[in-house]
């Protein structure tokens, strides 16, 4: 069964958001070093998941990303059930394939297919 494996926070001011989440929860932020301004968020040990943060684009807020065996198959299922693909499949080099969708209630979520060969 696909599960949430990653969360993302969008921020108008990433430095301000880093200070907030570090001050409140003690989370650690590290620059991803990839082709876009993106931070990996480590939330600690034990139950839970880690995430990421990026500079807000549009009206995207928090995004949960779900691990799936095929983003193509699951994206087709999203559309068949009344949702939308809002950002088509794209490669996260060395990580996998990512697609963003909108559910029937207007919520944005991501789906990730692991593939270390993604380019």
PDB file of N, CA and C in Angstrom:
ATOM      1  N   UNK A   1       0.848  -1.174   0.000  1.00  0.00           N
ATOM      2  CA  UNK A   1       0.000   0.000   0.000  1.00  0.00           C
ATOM      3  C   UNK A   1       0.900   1.247   0.000  1.00  0.00           C
ATOM      4  N   UNK A   2       0.701   2.184  -0.932  1.00  0.00           N
ATOM      5  CA  UNK A   2       1.505   3.403  -0.963  1.00  0.00           C
ATOM      6  C   UNK A   2       1.343   4.215   0.324  1.00  0.00           C
ATOM      7  N   UNK A   3       2.480   4.782   0.792  1.00  0.00           N
ATOM      8  CA  UNK A   3       2.473   5.551   2.043  1.00  0.00           C
ATOM      9  C   UNK A   3       3.127   6.906   1.849  1.00  0.00           C
ATOM     10  N   UNK A   4       2.761   7.853   2.696  1.00  0.00           N
ATOM     11  CA  UNK A   4       3.421   9.157   2.705  1.00  0.00           C
ATOM     12  C   UNK A   4       4.853   8.945   3.182  1.00  0.00           C
ATOM     13  N   UNK A   5       5.813   9.436   2.395  1.00  0.00           N
ATOM     14  CA  UNK A   5       7.226   9.236   2.724  1.00  0.00           C
ATOM     15  C   UNK A   5       8.002  10.545   2.838  1.00  0.00           C
ATOM     16  N   UNK A   6       7.364  11.673   2.506  1.00  0.00           N
ATOM     17  CA  UNK A   6       8.086  12.946   2.474  1.00  0.00           C
ATOM     18  C   UNK A   6       7.056  14.065   2.547  1.00  0.00           C
ATOM     19  N   UNK A   7       7.379  15.145   3.227  1.00  0.00           N
ATOM     20  CA  UNK A   7       6.524  16.325   3.218  1.00  0.00           C
ATOM     21  C   UNK A   7       7.324  17.496   2.675  1.00  0.00           C
ATOM     22  N   UNK A   8       6.618  18.493   2.179  1.00  0.00           N
ATOM     23  CA  UNK A   8       7.270  19.710   1.721  1.00  0.00           C
ATOM     24  C   UNK A   8       6.542  20.923   2.273  1.00  0.00           C
ATOM     25  N   UNK A   9       7.322  21.926   2.625  1.00  0.00           N
ATOM     26  CA  UNK A   9       6.810  23.199   3.094  1.00  0.00           C
ATOM     27  C   UNK A   9       7.201  24.236   2.053  1.00  0.00           C
ATOM     28  N   UNK A  10       6.238  25.016   1.596  1.00  0.00           N
ATOM     29  CA  UNK A  10       6.590  26.145   0.734  1.00  0.00           C
ATOM     30  C   UNK A  10       6.620  27.396   1.609  1.00  0.00           C
ATOM     31  N   UNK A  11       7.529  28.303   1.287  1.00  0.00           N
ATOM     32  CA  UNK A  11       7.708  29.483   2.133  1.00  0.00           C
ATOM     33  C   UNK A  11       7.972  30.722   1.283  1.00  0.00           C
ATOM     34  N   UNK A  12       7.333  31.820   1.637  1.00  0.00           N
ATOM     35  CA  UNK A  12       7.630  33.092   0.979  1.00  0.00           C
ATOM     36  C   UNK A  12       9.062  33.518   1.288  1.00  0.00           C
ATOM     37  N   UNK A  13       9.496  33.269   2.527  1.00  0.00           N
ATOM     38  CA  UNK A  13      10.840  33.635   2.982  1.00  0.00           C
ATOM     39  C   UNK A  13      11.465  32.397   3.634  1.00  0.00           C
ATOM     40  N   UNK A  14      12.185  31.575   2.864  1.00  0.00           N
ATOM     41  CA  UNK A  14      12.747  30.333   3.417  1.00  0.00           C
ATOM     42  C   UNK A  14      13.623  30.530   4.654  1.00  0.00           C
ATOM     43  N   UNK A  15      14.391  31.612   4.714  1.00  0.00           N
ATOM     44  CA  UNK A  15      15.235  31.837   5.902  1.00  0.00           C
ATOM     45  C   UNK A  15      14.369  32.049   7.141  1.00  0.00           C
ATOM     46  N   UNK A  16      13.309  32.818   7.003  1.00  0.00           N
ATOM     47  CA  UNK A  16      12.390  33.049   8.125  1.00  0.00           C
ATOM     48  C   UNK A  16      11.728  31.741   8.538  1.00  0.00           C
ATOM     49  N   UNK A  17      11.306  30.933   7.548  1.00  0.00           N
ATOM     50  CA  UNK A  17      10.677  29.652   7.855  1.00  0.00           C
ATOM     51  C   UNK A  17      11.660  28.704   8.536  1.00  0.00           C
ATOM     52  N   UNK A  18      12.905  28.672   8.070  1.00  0.00           N
ATOM     53  CA  UNK A  18      13.928  27.829   8.724  1.00  0.00           C
ATOM     54  C   UNK A  18      14.077  28.234  10.183  1.00  0.00           C
ATOM     55  N   UNK A  19      14.170  29.536  10.443  1.00  0.00           N
ATOM     56  CA  UNK A  19      14.304  30.008  11.830  1.00  0.00           C
ATOM     57  C   UNK A  19      13.095  29.585  12.662  1.00  0.00           C
ATOM     58  N   UNK A  20      11.897  29.684  12.101  1.00  0.00           N
ATOM     59  CA  UNK A  20      10.684  29.311  12.817  1.00  0.00           C
ATOM     60  C   UNK A  20      10.696  27.827  13.185  1.00  0.00           C
ATOM     61  N   UNK A  21      10.862  26.946  12.194  1.00  0.00           N
ATOM     62  CA  UNK A  21      10.776  25.504  12.445  1.00  0.00           C
ATOM     63  C   UNK A  21      11.951  24.991  13.292  1.00  0.00           C
ATOM     64  N   UNK A  22      13.108  25.611  13.134  1.00  0.00           N
ATOM     65  CA  UNK A  22      14.238  25.238  13.985  1.00  0.00           C
ATOM     66  C   UNK A  22      13.974  25.679  15.419  1.00  0.00           C
ATOM     67  N   UNK A  23      13.463  26.899  15.588  1.00  0.00           N
ATOM     68  CA  UNK A  23      13.186  27.421  16.924  1.00  0.00           C
ATOM     69  C   UNK A  23      12.080  26.683  17.646  1.00  0.00           C
ATOM     70  N   UNK A  24      11.026  26.304  16.919  1.00  0.00           N
ATOM     71  CA  UNK A  24       9.894  25.628  17.549  1.00  0.00           C
ATOM     72  C   UNK A  24      10.165  24.146  17.761  1.00  0.00           C
ATOM     73  N   UNK A  25      10.652  23.448  16.726  1.00  0.00           N
ATOM     74  CA  UNK A  25      10.773  21.991  16.775  1.00  0.00           C
ATOM     75  C   UNK A  25      12.205  21.469  16.824  1.00  0.00           C
ATOM     76  N   UNK A  26      13.184  22.325  16.579  1.00  0.00           N
ATOM     77  CA  UNK A  26      14.574  21.872  16.558  1.00  0.00           C
ATOM     78  C   UNK A  26      14.958  21.164  15.264  1.00  0.00           C
ATOM     79  N   UNK A  27      14.174  21.337  14.194  1.00  0.00           N
ATOM     80  CA  UNK A  27      14.460  20.670  12.928  1.00  0.00           C
ATOM     81  C   UNK A  27      15.740  21.221  12.310  1.00  0.00           C
ATOM     82  N   UNK A  28      16.415  20.370  11.541  1.00  0.00           N
ATOM     83  CA  UNK A  28      17.668  20.727  10.874  1.00  0.00           C
ATOM     84  C   UNK A  28      17.414  20.900   9.379  1.00  0.00           C
ATOM     85  N   UNK A  29      17.881  21.996   8.819  1.00  0.00           N
ATOM     86  CA  UNK A  29      17.722  22.300   7.389  1.00  0.00           C
ATOM     87  C   UNK A  29      19.081  22.310   6.717  1.00  0.00           C
ATOM     88  N   UNK A  30      19.202  21.587   5.609  1.00  0.00           N
ATOM     89  CA  UNK A  30      20.436  21.556   4.824  1.00  0.00           C
ATOM     90  C   UNK A  30      20.098  21.793   3.363  1.00  0.00           C
ATOM     91  N   UNK A  31      20.885  22.648   2.702  1.00  0.00           N
ATOM     92  CA  UNK A  31      20.672  22.893   1.282  1.00  0.00           C
ATOM     93  C   UNK A  31      20.844  21.591   0.513  1.00  0.00           C
ATOM     94  N   UNK A  32      19.946  21.328  -0.420  1.00  0.00           N
ATOM     95  CA  UNK A  32      20.002  20.119  -1.242  1.00  0.00           C
ATOM     96  C   UNK A  32      21.180  20.175  -2.201  1.00  0.00           C
ATOM     97  N   UNK A  33      21.516  21.368  -2.684  1.00  0.00           N
ATOM     98  CA  UNK A  33      22.616  21.507  -3.622  1.00  0.00           C
ATOM     99  C   UNK A  33      22.248  21.120  -5.039  1.00  0.00           C
ATOM    100  N   UNK A  34      20.972  21.001  -5.319  1.00  0.00           N
ATOM    101  CA  UNK A  34      20.515  20.619  -6.652  1.00  0.00           C
ATOM    102  C   UNK A  34      20.287  21.827  -7.537  1.00  0.00           C
ATOM    103  N   UNK A  35      19.577  21.629  -8.628  1.00  0.00           N
ATOM    104  CA  UNK A  35      19.388  22.702  -9.595  1.00  0.00           C
ATOM    105  C   UNK A  35      18.399  23.790  -9.159  1.00  0.00           C
ATOM    106  N   UNK A  36      17.714  23.593  -8.033  1.00  0.00           N
ATOM    107  CA  UNK A  36      16.811  24.631  -7.525  1.00  0.00           C
ATOM    108  C   UNK A  36      17.100  24.877  -6.056  1.00  0.00           C
ATOM    109  N   UNK A  37      16.657  26.026  -5.551  1.00  0.00           N
ATOM    110  CA  UNK A  37      16.837  26.381  -4.147  1.00  0.00           C
ATOM    111  C   UNK A  37      15.889  25.518  -3.322  1.00  0.00           C
ATOM    112  N   UNK A  38      16.430  24.487  -2.683  1.00  0.00           N
ATOM    113  CA  UNK A  38      15.625  23.494  -1.975  1.00  0.00           C
ATOM    114  C   UNK A  38      16.405  23.039  -0.744  1.00  0.00           C
ATOM    115  N   UNK A  39      15.717  22.862   0.357  1.00  0.00           N
ATOM    116  CA  UNK A  39      16.334  22.419   1.605  1.00  0.00           C
ATOM    117  C   UNK A  39      15.765  21.081   2.038  1.00  0.00           C
ATOM    118  N   UNK A  40      16.624  20.184   2.465  1.00  0.00           N
ATOM    119  CA  UNK A  40      16.184  18.938   3.081  1.00  0.00           C
ATOM    120  C   UNK A  40      15.928  19.237   4.558  1.00  0.00           C
ATOM    121  N   UNK A  41      14.854  18.677   5.102  1.00  0.00           N
ATOM    122  CA  UNK A  41      14.459  18.922   6.493  1.00  0.00           C
ATOM    123  C   UNK A  41      14.550  17.612   7.256  1.00  0.00           C
ATOM    124  N   UNK A  42      15.406  17.586   8.259  1.00  0.00           N
ATOM    125  CA  UNK A  42      15.533  16.411   9.127  1.00  0.00           C
ATOM    126  C   UNK A  42      14.770  16.712  10.404  1.00  0.00           C
ATOM    127  N   UNK A  43      13.787  15.860  10.717  1.00  0.00           N
ATOM    128  CA  UNK A  43      12.904  16.116  11.854  1.00  0.00           C
ATOM    129  C   UNK A  43      13.262  15.332  13.116  1.00  0.00           C
ATOM    130  N   UNK A  44      14.233  14.432  13.035  1.00  0.00           N
ATOM    131  CA  UNK A  44      14.657  13.710  14.227  1.00  0.00           C
ATOM    132  C   UNK A  44      14.602  12.216  14.056  1.00  0.00           C
ATOM    133  N   UNK A  45      14.810  11.504  15.157  1.00  0.00           N
ATOM    134  CA  UNK A  45      14.824  10.037  15.180  1.00  0.00           C
ATOM    135  C   UNK A  45      13.456   9.504  15.589  1.00  0.00           C
ATOM    136  N   UNK A  46      13.226   8.238  15.310  1.00  0.00           N
ATOM    137  CA  UNK A  46      11.980   7.597  15.728  1.00  0.00           C
ATOM    138  C   UNK A  46      10.897   7.715  14.682  1.00  0.00           C
ATOM    139  N   UNK A  47       9.644   7.445  15.060  1.00  0.00           N
ATOM    140  CA  UNK A  47       8.530   7.483  14.100  1.00  0.00           C
ATOM    141  C   UNK A  47       8.396   8.865  13.465  1.00  0.00           C
ATOM    142  N   UNK A  48       8.035   8.873  12.226  1.00  0.00           N
ATOM    143  CA  UNK A  48       7.839  10.132  11.515  1.00  0.00           C
ATOM    144  C   UNK A  48       8.602  10.129  10.205  1.00  0.00           C
ATOM    145  N   UNK A  49       8.526  11.223   9.493  1.00  0.00           N
ATOM    146  CA  UNK A  49       9.202  11.344   8.205  1.00  0.00           C
ATOM    147  C   UNK A  49       9.967  12.659   8.153  1.00  0.00           C
ATOM    148  N   UNK A  50      10.925  12.701   7.253  1.00  0.00           N
ATOM    149  CA  UNK A  50      11.666  13.924   6.977  1.00  0.00           C
ATOM    150  C   UNK A  50      11.047  14.590   5.760  1.00  0.00           C
ATOM    151  N   UNK A  51      11.505  15.782   5.447  1.00  0.00           N
ATOM    152  CA  UNK A  51      10.884  16.495   4.348  1.00  0.00           C
ATOM    153  C   UNK A  51      11.801  17.456   3.649  1.00  0.00           C
ATOM    154  N   UNK A  52      11.189  18.466   3.058  1.00  0.00           N
ATOM    155  CA  UNK A  52      11.909  19.474   2.305  1.00  0.00           C
ATOM    156  C   UNK A  52      11.192  20.803   2.383  1.00  0.00           C
ATOM    157  N   UNK A  53      11.892  21.852   1.934  1.00  0.00           N
ATOM    158  CA  UNK A  53      11.296  23.178   1.903  1.00  0.00           C
ATOM    159  C   UNK A  53      11.780  23.895   0.648  1.00  0.00           C
ATOM    160  N   UNK A  54      10.870  24.666   0.030  1.00  0.00           N
ATOM    161  CA  UNK A  54      11.223  25.422  -1.155  1.00  0.00           C
ATOM    162  C   UNK A  54      10.546  26.782  -1.124  1.00  0.00           C
ATOM    163  N   UNK A  55      11.053  27.707  -1.937  1.00  0.00           N
ATOM    164  CA  UNK A  55      10.434  29.031  -2.040  1.00  0.00           C
ATOM    165  C   UNK A  55       9.084  28.869  -2.726  1.00  0.00           C
ATOM    166  N   UNK A  56       8.061  29.447  -2.104  1.00  0.00           N
ATOM    167  CA  UNK A  56       6.690  29.315  -2.591  1.00  0.00           C
ATOM    168  C   UNK A  56       6.556  29.829  -4.025  1.00  0.00           C
ATOM    169  N   UNK A  57       5.827  29.042  -4.812  1.00  0.00           N
ATOM    170  CA  UNK A  57       5.451  29.415  -6.173  1.00  0.00           C
ATOM    171  C   UNK A  57       3.946  29.247  -6.263  1.00  0.00           C
ATOM    172  N   UNK A  58       3.237  30.334  -6.469  1.00  0.00           N
ATOM    173  CA  UNK A  58       1.782  30.245  -6.524  1.00  0.00           C
ATOM    174  C   UNK A  58       1.189  30.066  -5.142  1.00  0.00           C
ATOM    175  N   UNK A  59       0.107  29.286  -5.064  1.00  0.00           N
ATOM    176  CA  UNK A  59      -0.618  29.127  -3.799  1.00  0.00           C
ATOM    177  C   UNK A  59      -0.385  27.775  -3.141  1.00  0.00           C
ATOM    178  N   UNK A  60       0.734  27.122  -3.465  1.00  0.00           N
ATOM    179  CA  UNK A  60       1.045  25.815  -2.877  1.00  0.00           C
ATOM    180  C   UNK A  60       1.463  26.003  -1.427  1.00  0.00           C
ATOM    181  N   UNK A  61       0.893  25.202  -0.531  1.00  0.00           N
ATOM    182  CA  UNK A  61       1.254  25.240   0.881  1.00  0.00           C
ATOM    183  C   UNK A  61       2.086  24.026   1.239  1.00  0.00           C
ATOM    184  N   UNK A  62       1.589  23.208   2.147  1.00  0.00           N
ATOM    185  CA  UNK A  62       2.264  21.963   2.513  1.00  0.00           C
ATOM    186  C   UNK A  62       1.891  20.875   1.511  1.00  0.00           C
ATOM    187  N   UNK A  63       2.852  20.048   1.164  1.00  0.00           N
ATOM    188  CA  UNK A  63       2.632  18.966   0.211  1.00  0.00           C
ATOM    189  C   UNK A  63       3.132  17.667   0.833  1.00  0.00           C
ATOM    190  N   UNK A  64       2.304  16.647   0.811  1.00  0.00           N
ATOM    191  CA  UNK A  64       2.738  15.306   1.203  1.00  0.00           C
ATOM    192  C   UNK A  64       3.040  14.517  -0.061  1.00  0.00           C
ATOM    193  N   UNK A  65       4.145  13.781  -0.042  1.00  0.00           N
ATOM    194  CA  UNK A  65       4.533  12.969  -1.190  1.00  0.00           C
ATOM    195  C   UNK A  65       4.394  11.499  -0.825  1.00  0.00           C
ATOM    196  N   UNK A  66       3.769  10.754  -1.727  1.00  0.00           N
ATOM    197  CA  UNK A  66       3.442   9.351  -1.513  1.00  0.00           C
ATOM    198  C   UNK A  66       4.322   8.492  -2.416  1.00  0.00           C
ATOM    199  N   UNK A  67       4.939   7.468  -1.852  1.00  0.00           N
ATOM    200  CA  UNK A  67       5.759   6.529  -2.605  1.00  0.00           C
ATOM    201  C   UNK A  67       4.850   5.580  -3.380  1.00  0.00           C
ATOM    202  N   UNK A  68       5.042   5.516  -4.707  1.00  0.00           N
ATOM    203  CA  UNK A  68       4.239   4.625  -5.549  1.00  0.00           C
ATOM    204  C   UNK A  68       5.161   3.832  -6.469  1.00  0.00           C
ATOM    205  N   UNK A  69       4.732   2.647  -6.914  1.00  0.00           N
ATOM    206  CA  UNK A  69       5.577   1.849  -7.805  1.00  0.00           C
ATOM    207  C   UNK A  69       5.644   2.400  -9.225  1.00  0.00           C
ATOM    208  N   UNK A  70       4.631   3.190  -9.650  1.00  0.00           N
ATOM    209  CA  UNK A  70       4.618   3.760 -11.000  1.00  0.00           C
ATOM    210  C   UNK A  70       3.863   5.079 -10.982  1.00  0.00           C
ATOM    211  N   UNK A  71       4.574   6.201 -11.185  1.00  0.00           N
ATOM    212  CA  UNK A  71       3.872   7.484 -11.225  1.00  0.00           C
ATOM    213  C   UNK A  71       2.931   7.549 -12.430  1.00  0.00           C
ATOM    214  N   UNK A  72       3.292   6.891 -13.528  1.00  0.00           N
ATOM    215  CA  UNK A  72       2.412   6.899 -14.701  1.00  0.00           C
ATOM    216  C   UNK A  72       1.073   6.230 -14.391  1.00  0.00           C
ATOM    217  N   UNK A  73       1.120   5.045 -13.801  1.00  0.00           N
ATOM    218  CA  UNK A  73      -0.114   4.314 -13.479  1.00  0.00           C
ATOM    219  C   UNK A  73      -0.958   5.055 -12.449  1.00  0.00           C
ATOM    220  N   UNK A  74      -0.313   5.570 -11.409  1.00  0.00           N
ATOM    221  CA  UNK A  74      -1.066   6.249 -10.358  1.00  0.00           C
ATOM    222  C   UNK A  74      -1.588   7.598 -10.821  1.00  0.00           C
ATOM    223  N   UNK A  75      -0.864   8.307 -11.688  1.00  0.00           N
ATOM    224  CA  UNK A  75      -1.360   9.564 -12.240  1.00  0.00           C
ATOM    225  C   UNK A  75      -2.615   9.305 -13.076  1.00  0.00           C
ATOM    226  N   UNK A  76      -2.602   8.222 -13.836  1.00  0.00           N
ATOM    227  CA  UNK A  76      -3.782   7.850 -14.620  1.00  0.00           C
ATOM    228  C   UNK A  76      -4.961   7.552 -13.692  1.00  0.00           C
ATOM    229  N   UNK A  77      -4.704   6.908 -12.573  1.00  0.00           N
ATOM    230  CA  UNK A  77      -5.747   6.601 -11.609  1.00  0.00           C
ATOM    231  C   UNK A  77      -6.306   7.885 -10.973  1.00  0.00           C
ATOM    232  N   UNK A  78      -5.422   8.842 -10.679  1.00  0.00           N
ATOM    233  CA  UNK A  78      -5.860  10.132 -10.127  1.00  0.00           C
ATOM    234  C   UNK A  78      -6.864  10.786 -11.078  1.00  0.00           C
ATOM    235  N   UNK A  79      -6.503  10.844 -12.358  1.00  0.00           N
ATOM    236  CA  UNK A  79      -7.378  11.468 -13.352  1.00  0.00           C
ATOM    237  C   UNK A  79      -8.693  10.693 -13.478  1.00  0.00           C
ATOM    238  N   UNK A  80      -8.614   9.373 -13.490  1.00  0.00           N
ATOM    239  CA  UNK A  80      -9.821   8.542 -13.610  1.00  0.00           C
ATOM    240  C   UNK A  80     -10.776   8.741 -12.429  1.00  0.00           C
ATOM    241  N   UNK A  81     -10.240   9.092 -11.270  1.00  0.00           N
ATOM    242  CA  UNK A  81     -11.074   9.279 -10.074  1.00  0.00           C
ATOM    243  C   UNK A  81     -11.477  10.736  -9.857  1.00  0.00           C
ATOM    244  N   UNK A  82     -11.195  11.614 -10.848  1.00  0.00           N
ATOM    245  CA  UNK A  82     -11.658  12.994 -10.772  1.00  0.00           C
ATOM    246  C   UNK A  82     -10.629  14.008 -10.337  1.00  0.00           C
ATOM    247  N   UNK A  83      -9.388  13.579 -10.114  1.00  0.00           N
ATOM    248  CA  UNK A  83      -8.319  14.506  -9.764  1.00  0.00           C
ATOM    249  C   UNK A  83      -7.637  15.054 -11.003  1.00  0.00           C
ATOM    250  N   UNK A  84      -6.554  15.786 -10.798  1.00  0.00           N
ATOM    251  CA  UNK A  84      -5.805  16.396 -11.896  1.00  0.00           C
ATOM    252  C   UNK A  84      -4.313  16.216 -11.676  1.00  0.00           C
ATOM    253  N   UNK A  85      -3.582  16.104 -12.758  1.00  0.00           N
ATOM    254  CA  UNK A  85      -2.122  16.199 -12.709  1.00  0.00           C
ATOM    255  C   UNK A  85      -1.806  17.672 -12.911  1.00  0.00           C
ATOM    256  N   UNK A  86      -1.124  18.300 -11.948  1.00  0.00           N
ATOM    257  CA  UNK A  86      -0.834  19.730 -12.038  1.00  0.00           C
ATOM    258  C   UNK A  86       0.618  20.019 -12.406  1.00  0.00           C
ATOM    259  N   UNK A  87       1.521  19.101 -12.122  1.00  0.00           N
ATOM    260  CA  UNK A  87       2.907  19.179 -12.592  1.00  0.00           C
ATOM    261  C   UNK A  87       3.244  17.805 -13.134  1.00  0.00           C
ATOM    262  N   UNK A  88       3.478  17.706 -14.451  1.00  0.00           N
ATOM    263  CA  UNK A  88       3.713  16.389 -15.048  1.00  0.00           C
ATOM    264  C   UNK A  88       4.987  15.725 -14.530  1.00  0.00           C
ATOM    265  N   UNK A  89       5.096  14.469 -14.808  1.00  0.00           N
ATOM    266  CA  UNK A  89       6.242  13.641 -14.404  1.00  0.00           C
ATOM    267  C   UNK A  89       7.553  14.326 -14.782  1.00  0.00           C
ATOM    268  N   UNK A  90       8.439  14.419 -13.787  1.00  0.00           N
ATOM    269  CA  UNK A  90       9.770  14.947 -14.047  1.00  0.00           C
ATOM    270  C   UNK A  90      10.773  14.198 -13.203  1.00  0.00           C
ATOM    271  N   UNK A  91      12.003  14.174 -13.690  1.00  0.00           N
ATOM    272  CA  UNK A  91      13.069  13.431 -13.015  1.00  0.00           C
ATOM    273  C   UNK A  91      13.687  14.258 -11.899  1.00  0.00           C
ATOM    274  N   UNK A  92      13.915  13.601 -10.775  1.00  0.00           N
ATOM    275  CA  UNK A  92      14.752  14.133  -9.711  1.00  0.00           C
ATOM    276  C   UNK A  92      16.029  13.293  -9.816  1.00  0.00           C
ATOM    277  N   UNK A  93      17.091  13.847 -10.432  1.00  0.00           N
ATOM    278  CA  UNK A  93      18.272  13.042 -10.767  1.00  0.00           C
ATOM    279  C   UNK A  93      18.812  12.222  -9.594  1.00  0.00           C
ATOM    280  N   UNK A  94      18.976  10.924  -9.863  1.00  0.00           N
ATOM    281  CA  UNK A  94      19.507  10.004  -8.870  1.00  0.00           C
ATOM    282  C   UNK A  94      18.512   9.571  -7.811  1.00  0.00           C
ATOM    283  N   UNK A  95      17.314  10.133  -7.824  1.00  0.00           N
ATOM    284  CA  UNK A  95      16.291   9.828  -6.807  1.00  0.00           C
ATOM    285  C   UNK A  95      15.127   9.061  -7.433  1.00  0.00           C
ATOM    286  N   UNK A  96      14.490   9.665  -8.438  1.00  0.00           N
ATOM    287  CA  UNK A  96      13.338   9.015  -9.051  1.00  0.00           C
ATOM    288  C   UNK A  96      12.504   9.979  -9.850  1.00  0.00           C
ATOM    289  N   UNK A  97      11.239   9.611 -10.046  1.00  0.00           N
ATOM    290  CA  UNK A  97      10.293  10.372 -10.846  1.00  0.00           C
ATOM    291  C   UNK A  97       9.229  10.972  -9.938  1.00  0.00           C
ATOM    292  N   UNK A  98       8.907  12.244 -10.170  1.00  0.00           N
ATOM    293  CA  UNK A  98       7.979  12.972  -9.314  1.00  0.00           C
ATOM    294  C   UNK A  98       6.873  13.580 -10.161  1.00  0.00           C
ATOM    295  N   UNK A  99       5.654  13.516  -9.664  1.00  0.00           N
ATOM    296  CA  UNK A  99       4.507  14.173 -10.281  1.00  0.00           C
ATOM    297  C   UNK A  99       3.694  14.808  -9.152  1.00  0.00           C
ATOM    298  N   UNK A 100       3.118  15.986  -9.420  1.00  0.00           N
ATOM    299  CA  UNK A 100       2.233  16.625  -8.459  1.00  0.00           C
ATOM    300  C   UNK A 100       0.809  16.574  -8.996  1.00  0.00           C
ATOM    301  N   UNK A 101      -0.121  16.286  -8.103  1.00  0.00           N
ATOM    302  CA  UNK A 101      -1.526  16.156  -8.479  1.00  0.00           C
ATOM    303  C   UNK A 101      -2.390  16.982  -7.542  1.00  0.00           C
ATOM    304  N   UNK A 102      -3.652  17.163  -7.945  1.00  0.00           N
ATOM    305  CA  UNK A 102      -4.654  17.820  -7.113  1.00  0.00           C
ATOM    306  C   UNK A 102      -5.786  16.828  -6.923  1.00  0.00           C
ATOM    307  N   UNK A 103      -6.220  16.652  -5.672  1.00  0.00           N
ATOM    308  CA  UNK A 103      -7.328  15.729  -5.414  1.00  0.00           C
ATOM    309  C   UNK A 103      -8.664  16.413  -5.699  1.00  0.00           C
ATOM    310  N   UNK A 104      -9.751  15.710  -5.456  1.00  0.00           N
ATOM    311  CA  UNK A 104     -11.085  16.250  -5.743  1.00  0.00           C
ATOM    312  C   UNK A 104     -11.464  17.409  -4.826  1.00  0.00           C
ATOM    313  N   UNK A 105     -10.695  17.635  -3.748  1.00  0.00           N
ATOM    314  CA  UNK A 105     -10.971  18.714  -2.801  1.00  0.00           C
ATOM    315  C   UNK A 105     -10.050  19.906  -2.997  1.00  0.00           C
ATOM    316  N   UNK A 106      -9.184  19.856  -4.016  1.00  0.00           N
ATOM    317  CA  UNK A 106      -8.273  20.963  -4.306  1.00  0.00           C
ATOM    318  C   UNK A 106      -6.933  20.889  -3.608  1.00  0.00           C
ATOM    319  N   UNK A 107      -6.652  19.786  -2.921  1.00  0.00           N
ATOM    320  CA  UNK A 107      -5.375  19.617  -2.219  1.00  0.00           C
ATOM    321  C   UNK A 107      -4.305  19.105  -3.176  1.00  0.00           C
ATOM    322  N   UNK A 108      -3.119  19.701  -3.084  1.00  0.00           N
ATOM    323  CA  UNK A 108      -1.982  19.266  -3.886  1.00  0.00           C
ATOM    324  C   UNK A 108      -1.234  18.175  -3.125  1.00  0.00           C
ATOM    325  N   UNK A 109      -0.816  17.128  -3.845  1.00  0.00           N
ATOM    326  CA  UNK A 109       0.037  16.091  -3.263  1.00  0.00           C
ATOM    327  C   UNK A 109       1.006  15.617  -4.329  1.00  0.00           C
ATOM    328  N   UNK A 110       2.115  15.036  -3.870  1.00  0.00           N
ATOM    329  CA  UNK A 110       3.105  14.506  -4.795  1.00  0.00           C
ATOM    330  C   UNK A 110       3.096  12.991  -4.780  1.00  0.00           C
ATOM    331  N   UNK A 111       3.589  12.420  -5.872  1.00  0.00           N
ATOM    332  CA  UNK A 111       3.813  10.971  -5.935  1.00  0.00           C
ATOM    333  C   UNK A 111       5.222  10.765  -6.476  1.00  0.00           C
ATOM    334  N   UNK A 112       5.977   9.891  -5.825  1.00  0.00           N
ATOM    335  CA  UNK A 112       7.367   9.634  -6.182  1.00  0.00           C
ATOM    336  C   UNK A 112       7.560   8.159  -6.489  1.00  0.00           C
ATOM    337  N   UNK A 113       8.205   7.901  -7.614  1.00  0.00           N
ATOM    338  CA  UNK A 113       8.609   6.542  -7.997  1.00  0.00           C
ATOM    339  C   UNK A 113      10.127   6.489  -7.883  1.00  0.00           C
ATOM    340  N   UNK A 114      10.649   5.641  -7.018  1.00  0.00           N
ATOM    341  CA  UNK A 114      12.093   5.526  -6.846  1.00  0.00           C
ATOM    342  C   UNK A 114      12.735   4.990  -8.119  1.00  0.00           C
ATOM    343  N   UNK A 115      13.817   5.637  -8.534  1.00  0.00           N
ATOM    344  CA  UNK A 115      14.599   5.204  -9.689  1.00  0.00           C
ATOM    345  C   UNK A 115      15.927   5.929  -9.667  1.00  0.00           C
ATOM    346  N   UNK A 116      16.982   5.274  -9.150  1.00  0.00           N
ATOM    347  CA  UNK A 116      18.292   5.922  -9.079  1.00  0.00           C
ATOM    348  C   UNK A 116      18.856   6.321 -10.454  1.00  0.00           C
ATOM    349  N   UNK A 117      18.299   5.760 -11.524  1.00  0.00           N
ATOM    350  CA  UNK A 117      18.764   6.081 -12.877  1.00  0.00           C
ATOM    351  C   UNK A 117      18.011   7.273 -13.499  1.00  0.00           C
ATOM    352  N   UNK A 118      17.071   7.848 -12.771  1.00  0.00           N
ATOM    353  CA  UNK A 118      16.284   8.970 -13.309  1.00  0.00           C
ATOM    354  C   UNK A 118      17.200  10.130 -13.669  1.00  0.00           C
ATOM    355  N   UNK A 119      16.974  10.710 -14.850  1.00  0.00           N
ATOM    356  CA  UNK A 119      17.770  11.864 -15.309  1.00  0.00           C
ATOM    357  C   UNK A 119      16.870  12.859 -15.986  1.00  0.00           C
TER     358      UNK A 119
END
